[in-house]
Protein backbone atom coordinates (compact mmCIF):
# COMPACT_ATOMS: atom_id res chain seq x y z
CA MET A 1 3.95 -23.99 8.33
CA GLU A 2 0.11 -24.24 6.97
CA VAL A 3 -0.92 -25.53 3.58
CA VAL A 4 -4.57 -24.22 2.26
CA VAL A 5 -5.59 -25.23 -1.04
CA THR A 6 -8.99 -23.56 -3.02
CA ALA A 7 -10.23 -24.79 -6.75
CA ARG A 8 -11.81 -22.57 -8.82
CA ASN A 9 -13.73 -24.39 -12.28
CA CYS A 10 -12.63 -27.90 -10.52
CA GLU A 11 -12.68 -30.29 -7.39
CA VAL A 12 -9.30 -31.13 -6.07
CA SER A 13 -8.99 -34.77 -4.24
CA ASP A 14 -7.32 -35.25 -0.73
CA ARG A 15 -4.63 -37.16 -2.75
CA TYR A 16 -3.11 -33.53 -4.55
CA ARG A 17 -4.06 -32.13 -1.25
CA ASP A 18 -1.21 -34.28 0.45
CA HIS A 19 0.92 -33.99 -2.90
CA VAL A 20 0.83 -29.89 -2.73
CA ALA A 21 1.32 -29.98 1.50
CA GLU A 22 4.74 -32.49 0.20
CA LYS A 23 5.96 -30.26 -2.35
CA LEU A 24 5.49 -27.03 -0.64
CA SER A 25 7.79 -28.36 2.50
CA ARG A 26 10.67 -28.52 1.04
CA LEU A 27 10.51 -24.71 -0.10
CA GLU A 28 11.23 -24.32 3.98
CA LYS A 29 14.72 -24.71 3.42
CA HIS A 30 15.01 -21.30 1.76
CA ASP A 31 12.57 -19.77 3.63
CA HIS A 32 12.10 -21.11 7.43
CA ARG A 33 9.79 -17.91 8.27
CA ILE A 34 6.66 -19.18 6.44
CA ILE A 35 3.70 -19.45 7.87
CA ARG A 36 1.20 -20.28 5.40
CA ILE A 37 0.85 -20.64 2.08
CA ASN A 38 -1.75 -20.25 -0.18
CA VAL A 39 -2.66 -22.66 -3.26
CA GLU A 40 -5.30 -21.83 -5.77
CA VAL A 41 -5.87 -23.72 -8.61
CA ASP A 42 -7.90 -22.74 -11.63
CA CYS A 43 -9.17 -24.98 -14.23
CA GLU A 44 -9.85 -23.52 -17.33
CA PRO A 45 -13.04 -25.16 -18.66
CA ASN A 46 -12.41 -23.69 -22.46
CA PRO A 47 -10.81 -26.83 -24.50
CA ARG A 48 -8.77 -24.58 -26.60
CA GLN A 49 -6.74 -23.51 -23.64
CA HIS A 50 -5.43 -26.79 -23.29
CA LYS A 51 -2.27 -26.05 -22.83
CA GLY A 52 -2.41 -23.76 -19.88
CA ALA A 53 -5.68 -25.85 -18.64
CA VAL A 54 -4.33 -25.54 -15.26
CA HIS A 55 -3.50 -22.35 -13.80
CA VAL A 56 -1.84 -22.36 -10.41
CA GLU A 57 -1.41 -19.13 -7.81
CA LEU A 58 1.15 -19.94 -4.74
CA THR A 59 0.84 -17.50 -1.86
CA ALA A 60 3.13 -17.29 0.79
CA PHE A 61 3.30 -15.41 3.69
CA SER A 62 6.09 -15.57 6.62
CA LYS A 63 7.66 -12.45 9.07
CA GLY A 64 8.93 -11.51 5.89
CA PRO A 65 7.58 -9.89 2.58
CA VAL A 66 4.81 -11.52 1.07
CA VAL A 67 5.98 -13.75 -1.97
CA ARG A 68 3.67 -15.09 -4.88
CA ALA A 69 4.38 -17.28 -8.05
CA GLU A 70 2.04 -18.82 -10.42
CA ALA A 71 2.52 -20.99 -13.32
CA CYS A 72 0.05 -22.45 -16.32
CA ALA A 73 0.40 -26.39 -17.58
CA GLU A 74 -1.79 -29.18 -18.75
CA ASP A 75 -2.82 -30.50 -15.42
CA LYS A 76 -2.52 -29.94 -11.53
CA MET A 77 0.71 -31.82 -10.88
CA GLY A 78 3.31 -29.99 -13.89
CA ALA A 79 1.18 -26.75 -12.85
CA LEU A 80 2.09 -26.89 -9.26
CA ASP A 81 6.20 -28.37 -10.15
CA LEU A 82 6.27 -25.47 -12.33
CA ALA A 83 4.68 -22.48 -9.36
CA VAL A 84 6.81 -24.64 -6.53
CA ASP A 85 10.06 -24.31 -8.89
CA LYS A 86 9.44 -20.59 -9.39
CA MET A 87 8.95 -19.51 -5.90
CA ALA A 88 12.39 -21.50 -4.84
CA ALA A 89 13.87 -19.66 -6.95
CA GLN A 90 12.90 -15.91 -5.88
CA MET A 91 13.35 -17.11 -2.54
CA ARG A 92 17.20 -18.20 -3.41
CA ARG A 93 17.31 -14.41 -5.20
CA ALA A 94 16.13 -12.55 -2.56
CA ALA A 95 18.31 -14.62 -0.05
CA ASP A 96 21.17 -14.07 -1.81
CA ARG A 97 21.07 -10.32 -1.84
CA ARG A 98 20.48 -10.07 1.67
CA ARG A 99 23.84 -12.43 2.32
CA VAL A 100 26.11 -10.32 3.49
CA HIS A 101 30.24 -11.01 2.88
CA ARG A 102 32.56 -9.44 5.46
CA GLY A 103 36.02 -8.51 4.99
CA ARG A 104 37.25 -7.60 1.88
CA ARG A 105 34.76 -10.01 -0.48
CA THR A 106 31.50 -7.44 1.30
CA PRO A 107 29.76 -6.09 -1.97
CA LEU A 108 28.70 -2.85 -3.02
CA SER A 109 24.72 -2.10 -2.34
CA VAL A 110 22.92 -2.04 -4.84
CA GLY A 111 21.79 1.46 -4.20
CA GLN A 112 25.63 2.60 -3.95
CA ALA A 113 26.30 0.38 -7.26
CA LEU A 114 23.62 2.61 -9.29
CA ALA A 115 24.40 6.17 -7.58
CA ASP A 116 27.07 6.66 -10.00
CA VAL A 117 25.58 5.46 -12.94
CA PRO A 118 24.58 8.35 -15.08
CA ALA A 119 21.09 8.63 -17.06
CA GLU A 120 20.66 6.96 -20.19
CA ASP A 121 18.88 8.56 -23.52
CA ASP A 122 16.42 5.91 -24.66
CA GLY A 123 16.19 7.60 -28.09
CA ILE A 124 12.30 8.60 -27.74
CA ARG A 125 11.33 10.38 -31.08
CA THR A 126 8.18 12.30 -31.14
CA GLU A 127 6.35 12.03 -34.63
CA THR A 128 3.04 14.93 -35.34
CA ILE A 129 0.07 12.26 -36.56
CA ASP A 130 -1.88 14.98 -38.82
CA GLU A 131 -5.59 13.17 -37.35
CA SER A 132 -8.05 14.65 -35.42
CA PRO A 133 -8.77 14.31 -31.88
CA VAL A 134 -11.91 12.00 -31.28
CA GLU A 135 -12.85 12.11 -27.57
CA HIS A 136 -14.92 9.68 -25.48
CA GLN A 137 -16.01 8.53 -21.66
CA VAL A 138 -14.07 5.91 -19.77
CA GLY A 139 -15.66 5.75 -16.38
CA PRO A 140 -14.61 9.40 -14.94
CA ILE A 141 -12.22 10.18 -17.74
CA THR A 142 -12.21 12.02 -21.15
CA VAL A 143 -10.16 10.14 -23.32
CA THR A 144 -9.05 11.34 -26.47
CA GLY A 145 -8.27 9.42 -28.82
CA GLU A 146 -7.78 5.27 -28.47
CA GLY A 147 -6.19 5.11 -24.89
CA PRO A 148 -5.75 5.09 -22.01
CA LEU A 149 -8.57 2.20 -21.28
CA VAL A 150 -8.52 1.54 -17.35
CA VAL A 151 -9.07 -1.71 -17.16
CA ARG A 152 -8.89 -2.70 -13.13
CA GLU A 153 -7.23 0.40 -10.45
CA LYS A 154 -5.64 -1.20 -7.26
CA ILE A 155 -4.56 0.94 -3.80
CA HIS A 156 -1.64 -0.21 -1.81
CA SER A 157 -0.56 1.30 1.14
CA ALA A 158 3.17 1.10 1.86
CA ALA A 159 5.88 2.17 4.01
CA PRO A 160 9.08 3.88 3.28
CA MET A 161 11.56 1.75 1.89
CA THR A 162 14.90 1.76 1.15
CA LEU A 163 16.09 0.93 -2.42
CA ASP A 164 17.69 -2.33 -1.73
CA GLN A 165 14.32 -3.28 0.88
CA ALA A 166 12.20 -2.69 -2.87
CA LEU A 167 14.82 -4.75 -5.06
CA TYR A 168 14.23 -7.71 -2.23
CA GLU A 169 10.28 -7.54 -2.46
CA MET A 170 10.20 -6.88 -6.26
CA GLU A 171 12.61 -10.65 -6.32
CA LEU A 172 10.00 -12.52 -3.97
CA VAL A 173 7.12 -11.64 -6.24
CA GLY A 174 8.90 -12.45 -9.18
CA HIS A 175 8.18 -9.15 -11.41
CA ASP A 176 10.19 -7.68 -13.56
CA PHE A 177 9.38 -3.68 -11.34
CA TYR A 178 8.34 -2.20 -7.73
CA LEU A 179 6.62 0.66 -7.31
CA TYR A 180 7.62 1.89 -3.82
CA VAL A 181 8.43 5.13 -1.87
CA ASP A 182 11.75 5.86 -1.31
CA LYS A 183 12.90 5.99 2.47
CA GLU A 184 14.90 8.88 2.10
CA SER A 185 13.93 11.30 -0.27
CA ALA A 186 10.16 10.31 -0.29
CA ARG A 187 9.88 10.45 -3.82
CA PRO A 188 7.83 7.47 -5.07
CA SER A 189 9.97 5.46 -7.19
CA VAL A 190 9.91 2.15 -9.20
CA VAL A 191 12.39 -0.26 -9.43
CA TYR A 192 13.19 -2.68 -12.10
CA ARG A 193 15.02 -5.27 -14.44
CA ARG A 194 17.36 -4.27 -16.84
CA ARG A 195 19.34 -7.34 -18.31
CA GLY A 196 20.11 -10.16 -15.76
CA TYR A 197 21.26 -8.39 -12.70
CA ASP A 198 21.06 -5.34 -13.66
CA TYR A 199 18.69 -3.00 -12.56
CA GLY A 200 17.63 0.85 -13.33
CA VAL A 201 15.72 3.37 -10.89
CA ILE A 202 12.81 5.81 -11.87
CA ALA A 203 11.69 8.49 -9.59
CA LEU A 204 8.81 10.88 -9.60
CA GLU A 205 9.68 15.34 -8.27
CA ARG A 206 6.98 16.70 -7.37
CA THR A 207 6.53 20.39 -9.61
CA ASP A 208 4.00 22.77 -8.65
CA ALA A 209 2.93 23.41 -12.85
CA ALA A 210 -0.56 23.70 -13.04
CA TYR A 211 -2.13 21.03 -16.15
C-alpha cells in the first residue's frame, strides 16, 4: 500500500511520515484492496483557531469505491488519529452492509426494507411575507431576495447504481446523504441518513411543465 503525504502551511518530518505509514497500515485489515492513501495535512496559521489548528484529510484508493475521512485537532498526531478512526469506522460499516448472511438469517436488502415505507408528511408550512422583492445578480443567475448564493459548483460523472450500492458508497465517504442515478428507474435520487441505520430516499420525476 502506497502512502502519499502532502502538507500546506506547514512542514512534516520524516518521523511523522513514518508514523502515518504505520498508522494507516492497520486499515488493510478492514479493506485489503487498498492501493494508495493520500494524506493532506493543512495547518491553520491563525492562532485563534488553536483547537482546530491542524486539519488532516485521508483519501483511500482501492479496487472498490474511494473512501474519505477528515478531522481537526490541536496537533498533527491528534488530527491523524481522529481521521484514521473515522476511516476505520466507515470501512467497518461498509463491510457490514456487504456481508450476506446465508440461510434463514438472511436479512432483507435496504431497498426491500424501504419499498413499503410510506412517504412522511414533513409538516412544511408556507407563510406569505409582505416584502417587496429585490433582485440582484449572482454570477449568471438573477436572484430575488437574499438567495441562493452559489459558492461552488461541482460536476461528477456517475454510472447508474442500485439503492444498496448508493448506501455502500455513502458509508465509505462518511456523508449523511448521497446523490446518485437509480439504475432501475434512471431517476436522479438522493439517499440520506435519518436516525442511526434508518434511511430515506428522494427521487426526481421529470415533467414537461414549463416554468
